[in-house]
Amino acid sequence: MAAVLLAGCSSSEDSTASNSAVAGVEFGHVHSLDVNPADDRLYVASHHGVFALGADGFERVGAESFDAMSFTITGPDRFLMSGHPAPGAGGPAHLGLSESTDAGRTWRSLSLEGKADFHALEAAGDHVYGVDSQSGRLMLTEDGRRWRSLGQLPAVDVAVHPRNPDLVLLTDASGSLGRLQVSGPPQLVKSAPRLVLLDWDSEDLLVGAGPEGSVYRSDDGGDSWREVGSLPDVPHALTATESRWYAATEGGVLVSTDAGATWSEVGTG
């Protein structure tokens, strides 16, 4: 599986770029989507900062317009992010791992500032996984400050088992799916369809999207998949809850309220 990932990966920035504009808001490249359990609001992490969905559309959260290359919500109002400072902001070119505990209004650096540029972040329990675009390594931290490398695995996306944070799934740019136990080597999941994006919301809700927009669901941790719908364009970001699934494409941010069967632009359906 490591060989497949190394052979198949290109820059995550290329594979997750989306020039989306929703409700008059110019996101630039949309890199990540997630839902805040504090208020069930959708958050968009983009080339121009973090935005939240409100009653009148999307609005910027906080004053900073950094390039959020990766983003994940780990609990109520607690966000993690990696990327680059806004043009002219100064400081290191790579933000490492930054944290917000007020739903994105303010941020502080936790670790690896100037050293790591995570193009994928995912968390479960106290485990946070990051794919560092600088080194091509999959990295793990349990406190946000001390990291260990799990090997050269430059994955496009990472999903963590919600109840077993030592188990992760990885995709590469060729659409291959791998399974990794932290204590062992990665294994290729040969039964999986081509997938580039993943989200593992609960033990029986694992969602994936293929490179052309096909949407899949697995109820058994990735061993088997069924196609449930299709996006109108190439997917760039994906997140799912029991009630709503969200995706970003080149055309905008979409929502499904029927488990991926149909999709409409956020704010219009």
Protein backbone atom coordinates (compact mmCIF):
# COMPACT_ATOMS: atom_id res chain seq x y z
CA MET A 1 0.00 0.00 0.00
CA ALA A 2 2.87 2.40 0.75
CA ALA A 3 4.18 1.90 -2.78
CA VAL A 4 0.74 2.60 -4.23
CA LEU A 5 0.40 5.81 -2.25
CA LEU A 6 3.85 7.01 -3.18
CA ALA A 7 3.30 6.28 -6.85
CA GLY A 8 -0.19 7.75 -7.01
CA CYS A 9 0.00 11.00 -5.05
CA SER A 10 0.34 14.46 -6.45
CA SER A 11 -0.03 17.73 -4.59
CA SER A 12 -3.08 17.76 -2.34
CA GLU A 13 -3.47 21.43 -3.15
CA ASP A 14 -4.15 20.52 -6.77
CA SER A 15 -6.57 17.72 -5.90
CA THR A 16 -8.58 19.75 -3.38
CA ALA A 17 -8.74 23.14 -5.09
CA SER A 18 -12.10 24.72 -5.76
CA ASN A 19 -12.91 28.24 -6.88
CA SER A 20 -16.26 28.42 -5.14
CA ALA A 21 -18.51 31.39 -4.61
CA VAL A 22 -21.64 30.94 -2.51
CA ALA A 23 -24.00 33.74 -1.52
CA GLY A 24 -21.49 36.28 -2.86
CA VAL A 25 -18.59 34.98 -0.77
CA GLU A 26 -15.38 34.27 -2.68
CA PHE A 27 -13.68 31.34 -1.01
CA GLY A 28 -10.87 30.80 -3.47
CA HIS A 29 -9.71 27.21 -3.09
CA VAL A 30 -11.99 25.18 -0.79
CA HIS A 31 -9.82 22.66 1.05
CA SER A 32 -11.99 21.25 3.85
CA LEU A 33 -15.53 21.12 5.22
CA ASP A 34 -16.67 20.22 8.73
CA VAL A 35 -19.64 20.66 11.06
CA ASN A 36 -19.33 22.20 14.52
CA PRO A 37 -21.18 20.02 17.09
CA ALA A 38 -21.71 23.11 19.24
CA ASP A 39 -24.31 24.53 16.84
CA ASP A 40 -24.45 22.15 13.83
CA ARG A 41 -23.13 24.90 11.56
CA LEU A 42 -21.12 24.07 8.46
CA TYR A 43 -17.62 25.55 8.26
CA VAL A 44 -15.60 25.98 5.07
CA ALA A 45 -11.81 26.16 5.20
CA SER A 46 -10.45 27.87 2.12
CA HIS A 47 -7.66 29.77 0.44
CA HIS A 48 -9.00 32.96 2.06
CA GLY A 49 -9.71 31.79 5.59
CA VAL A 50 -12.55 30.04 7.43
CA PHE A 51 -16.23 30.72 6.74
CA ALA A 52 -19.39 29.63 8.57
CA LEU A 53 -22.84 29.03 7.13
CA GLY A 54 -25.52 31.24 8.64
CA ALA A 55 -29.11 32.18 7.88
CA ASP A 56 -28.01 34.67 5.20
CA GLY A 57 -25.25 32.58 3.66
CA PHE A 58 -21.56 32.24 4.43
CA GLU A 59 -19.63 34.73 6.52
CA ARG A 60 -15.97 34.95 7.42
CA VAL A 61 -15.07 33.75 10.90
CA GLY A 62 -12.49 35.96 12.60
CA ALA A 63 -10.33 38.59 10.97
CA GLU A 64 -7.62 36.41 9.46
CA SER A 65 -7.55 35.44 5.77
CA PHE A 66 -4.87 32.73 5.95
CA ASP A 67 -4.75 29.87 3.46
CA ALA A 68 -6.29 26.96 5.40
CA MET A 69 -4.84 23.97 3.57
CA SER A 70 -6.40 21.53 6.05
CA PHE A 71 -8.98 21.85 8.78
CA THR A 72 -10.86 19.63 11.21
CA ILE A 73 -13.26 20.15 14.11
CA THR A 74 -12.39 17.98 17.10
CA GLY A 75 -15.19 19.02 19.48
CA PRO A 76 -17.58 21.87 20.27
CA ASP A 77 -15.92 25.10 19.07
CA ARG A 78 -12.45 23.46 18.96
CA PHE A 79 -10.87 23.65 15.51
CA LEU A 80 -7.47 22.58 14.18
CA MET A 81 -5.91 24.03 11.04
CA SER A 82 -2.74 24.01 8.97
CA GLY A 83 -1.75 26.17 6.04
CA HIS A 84 -0.03 29.43 5.19
CA PRO A 85 -0.31 33.00 6.46
CA ALA A 86 -2.13 35.59 4.40
CA PRO A 87 0.02 37.49 1.89
CA GLY A 88 1.97 40.18 3.67
CA ALA A 89 1.21 38.80 7.13
CA GLY A 90 4.81 37.82 7.78
CA GLY A 91 6.06 34.91 9.83
CA PRO A 92 6.93 31.38 8.68
CA ALA A 93 5.53 30.18 5.37
CA HIS A 94 4.06 27.06 6.99
CA LEU A 95 1.72 27.34 9.99
CA GLY A 96 2.26 23.81 11.32
CA LEU A 97 -0.65 22.94 13.59
CA SER A 98 -2.83 25.79 14.88
CA GLU A 99 -5.76 25.61 17.29
CA SER A 100 -8.89 27.65 17.90
CA THR A 101 -11.07 27.13 20.97
CA ASP A 102 -13.59 29.84 20.09
CA ALA A 103 -15.00 28.46 16.81
CA GLY A 104 -12.34 30.03 14.60
CA ARG A 105 -12.44 33.60 15.85
CA THR A 106 -8.86 33.45 17.17
CA TRP A 107 -5.97 31.02 16.61
CA ARG A 108 -2.75 30.03 18.32
CA SER A 109 0.14 27.89 17.16
CA LEU A 110 0.46 24.50 18.83
CA SER A 111 3.44 22.94 17.06
CA LEU A 112 5.67 22.62 13.97
CA GLU A 113 5.29 26.25 12.92
CA GLY A 114 7.62 26.84 9.99
CA LYS A 115 8.25 23.11 9.64
CA ALA A 116 5.10 21.27 8.57
CA ASP A 117 2.36 21.98 6.05
CA PHE A 118 -0.46 19.50 6.62
CA HIS A 119 -2.67 19.00 3.57
CA ALA A 120 -4.96 16.63 5.47
CA LEU A 121 -5.92 16.61 9.15
CA GLU A 122 -8.25 14.20 10.93
CA ALA A 123 -8.94 13.49 14.58
CA ALA A 124 -10.64 10.92 16.80
CA GLY A 125 -10.39 10.93 20.57
CA ASP A 126 -7.00 12.38 21.47
CA HIS A 127 -5.40 11.20 18.20
CA VAL A 128 -4.74 13.77 15.46
CA TYR A 129 -3.34 12.60 12.13
CA GLY A 130 -1.71 14.90 9.61
CA VAL A 131 -0.30 14.39 6.13
CA ASP A 132 2.72 16.69 5.80
CA SER A 133 3.17 17.90 2.23
CA GLN A 134 6.75 18.92 2.97
CA SER A 135 8.01 15.47 3.96
CA GLY A 136 5.33 13.17 2.53
CA ARG A 137 4.89 11.62 5.97
CA LEU A 138 1.74 10.57 7.80
CA MET A 139 2.18 11.93 11.31
CA LEU A 140 0.39 11.39 14.62
CA THR A 141 0.08 13.48 17.77
CA GLU A 142 -1.87 12.83 20.95
CA ASP A 143 -1.28 16.19 22.61
CA GLY A 144 -0.98 18.57 19.65
CA ARG A 145 2.69 19.24 20.34
CA ARG A 146 4.73 16.03 20.15
CA TRP A 147 4.54 14.18 16.83
CA ARG A 148 5.72 10.84 15.54
CA SER A 149 6.04 9.71 11.97
CA LEU A 150 4.09 6.69 10.72
CA GLY A 151 6.04 6.54 7.47
CA GLN A 152 6.16 7.99 3.98
CA LEU A 153 2.45 7.98 3.17
CA PRO A 154 1.56 11.17 1.25
CA ALA A 155 -2.17 10.48 1.26
CA VAL A 156 -4.83 12.72 -0.28
CA ASP A 157 -7.29 12.12 2.57
CA VAL A 158 -7.41 10.38 5.94
CA ALA A 159 -10.35 9.01 7.95
CA VAL A 160 -10.10 7.73 11.53
CA HIS A 161 -12.33 5.09 13.11
CA PRO A 162 -14.53 7.03 15.57
CA ARG A 163 -14.09 4.49 18.40
CA ASN A 164 -10.69 3.01 17.54
CA PRO A 165 -8.35 5.94 16.86
CA ASP A 166 -5.46 3.59 16.07
CA LEU A 167 -7.26 2.55 12.85
CA VAL A 168 -7.15 4.85 9.84
CA LEU A 169 -8.11 4.72 6.18
CA LEU A 170 -6.06 6.54 3.54
CA THR A 171 -6.66 7.47 -0.08
CA ASP A 172 -4.19 8.45 -2.76
CA ALA A 173 -4.54 10.47 -5.95
CA SER A 174 -4.99 7.32 -8.04
CA GLY A 175 -8.09 6.39 -6.02
CA SER A 176 -6.59 3.53 -4.02
CA LEU A 177 -7.81 2.93 -0.48
CA GLY A 178 -5.50 1.72 2.27
CA ARG A 179 -6.10 0.61 5.84
CA LEU A 180 -3.52 1.24 8.55
CA GLN A 181 -3.28 0.08 12.14
CA VAL A 182 -0.83 2.35 13.91
CA SER A 183 1.15 -0.68 15.08
CA GLY A 184 1.46 -2.22 11.61
CA PRO A 185 2.05 -1.55 7.90
CA PRO A 186 -0.67 -0.20 5.59
CA GLN A 187 -2.73 -2.67 3.57
CA LEU A 188 -4.49 -2.09 0.28
CA VAL A 189 -8.29 -2.53 0.43
CA LYS A 190 -8.76 -4.28 -2.90
CA SER A 191 -12.55 -4.47 -2.62
CA ALA A 192 -12.98 -0.68 -2.51
CA PRO A 193 -14.03 1.46 -5.48
CA ARG A 194 -11.83 4.34 -6.55
CA LEU A 195 -11.97 6.90 -3.74
CA VAL A 196 -10.19 10.17 -3.07
CA LEU A 197 -12.21 11.70 -0.21
CA LEU A 198 -13.41 10.08 3.01
CA ASP A 199 -15.37 10.96 6.14
CA TRP A 200 -16.01 8.59 9.05
CA ASP A 201 -18.70 10.20 11.16
CA SER A 202 -19.80 7.17 13.19
CA GLU A 203 -19.07 3.47 13.35
CA ASP A 204 -21.68 2.68 10.70
CA LEU A 205 -21.41 5.88 8.63
CA LEU A 206 -18.30 5.90 6.45
CA VAL A 207 -18.68 8.00 3.31
CA GLY A 208 -16.41 8.29 0.31
CA ALA A 209 -16.27 10.13 -3.00
CA GLY A 210 -14.58 9.00 -6.18
CA PRO A 211 -12.44 11.20 -8.41
CA GLU A 212 -15.26 11.74 -10.92
CA GLY A 213 -17.95 12.48 -8.31
CA SER A 214 -19.49 9.11 -7.46
CA VAL A 215 -20.56 8.98 -3.80
CA TYR A 216 -20.31 5.77 -1.78
CA ARG A 217 -21.23 4.53 1.68
CA SER A 218 -19.77 1.71 3.75
CA ASP A 219 -21.42 0.22 6.83
CA ASP A 220 -18.59 -2.19 7.68
CA GLY A 221 -15.52 0.00 8.03
CA GLY A 222 -14.56 0.04 4.37
CA ASP A 223 -14.66 -3.68 3.51
CA SER A 224 -17.68 -3.22 1.22
CA TRP A 225 -19.15 -0.15 -0.44
CA ARG A 226 -22.33 0.76 -2.27
CA GLU A 227 -22.82 3.70 -4.60
CA VAL A 228 -25.56 5.98 -3.24
CA GLY A 229 -25.40 8.99 -5.52
CA SER A 230 -23.26 11.27 -7.63
CA LEU A 231 -21.98 14.83 -7.50
CA PRO A 232 -22.28 17.04 -10.59
CA ASP A 233 -18.57 17.80 -10.66
CA VAL A 234 -15.20 16.66 -9.34
CA PRO A 235 -15.28 16.59 -5.52
CA HIS A 236 -12.79 18.70 -3.58
CA ALA A 237 -14.01 18.32 0.02
CA LEU A 238 -16.48 16.10 1.85
CA THR A 239 -18.05 15.76 5.28
CA ALA A 240 -21.08 13.86 6.53
CA THR A 241 -23.38 13.70 9.55
CA GLU A 242 -26.41 11.51 10.11
CA SER A 243 -28.76 14.21 8.82
CA ARG A 244 -26.73 16.10 6.21
CA TRP A 245 -23.85 15.36 3.88
CA TYR A 246 -21.82 18.24 2.42
CA ALA A 247 -19.43 18.38 -0.52
CA ALA A 248 -17.45 21.10 -2.29
CA THR A 249 -16.90 20.99 -6.04
CA GLU A 250 -15.62 23.47 -8.59
CA GLY A 251 -19.17 24.80 -8.83
CA GLY A 252 -19.80 25.44 -5.14
CA VAL A 253 -20.78 23.88 -1.82
CA LEU A 254 -23.51 21.24 -1.99
CA VAL A 255 -25.73 19.52 0.57
CA SER A 256 -27.61 16.23 0.57
CA THR A 257 -30.40 15.49 3.04
CA ASP A 258 -31.12 12.00 1.67
CA ALA A 259 -27.83 10.23 2.43
CA GLY A 260 -26.11 11.19 -0.79
CA ALA A 261 -28.86 10.34 -3.27
CA THR A 262 -29.47 13.93 -4.43
CA TRP A 263 -27.50 17.14 -4.00
CA SER A 264 -28.38 20.83 -4.14
CA GLU A 265 -26.38 24.01 -3.69
CA VAL A 266 -26.23 25.15 -0.09
CA GLY A 267 -28.83 27.86 0.47
CA THR A 268 -31.03 26.84 -2.45
CA GLY A 269 -32.48 23.46 -1.34
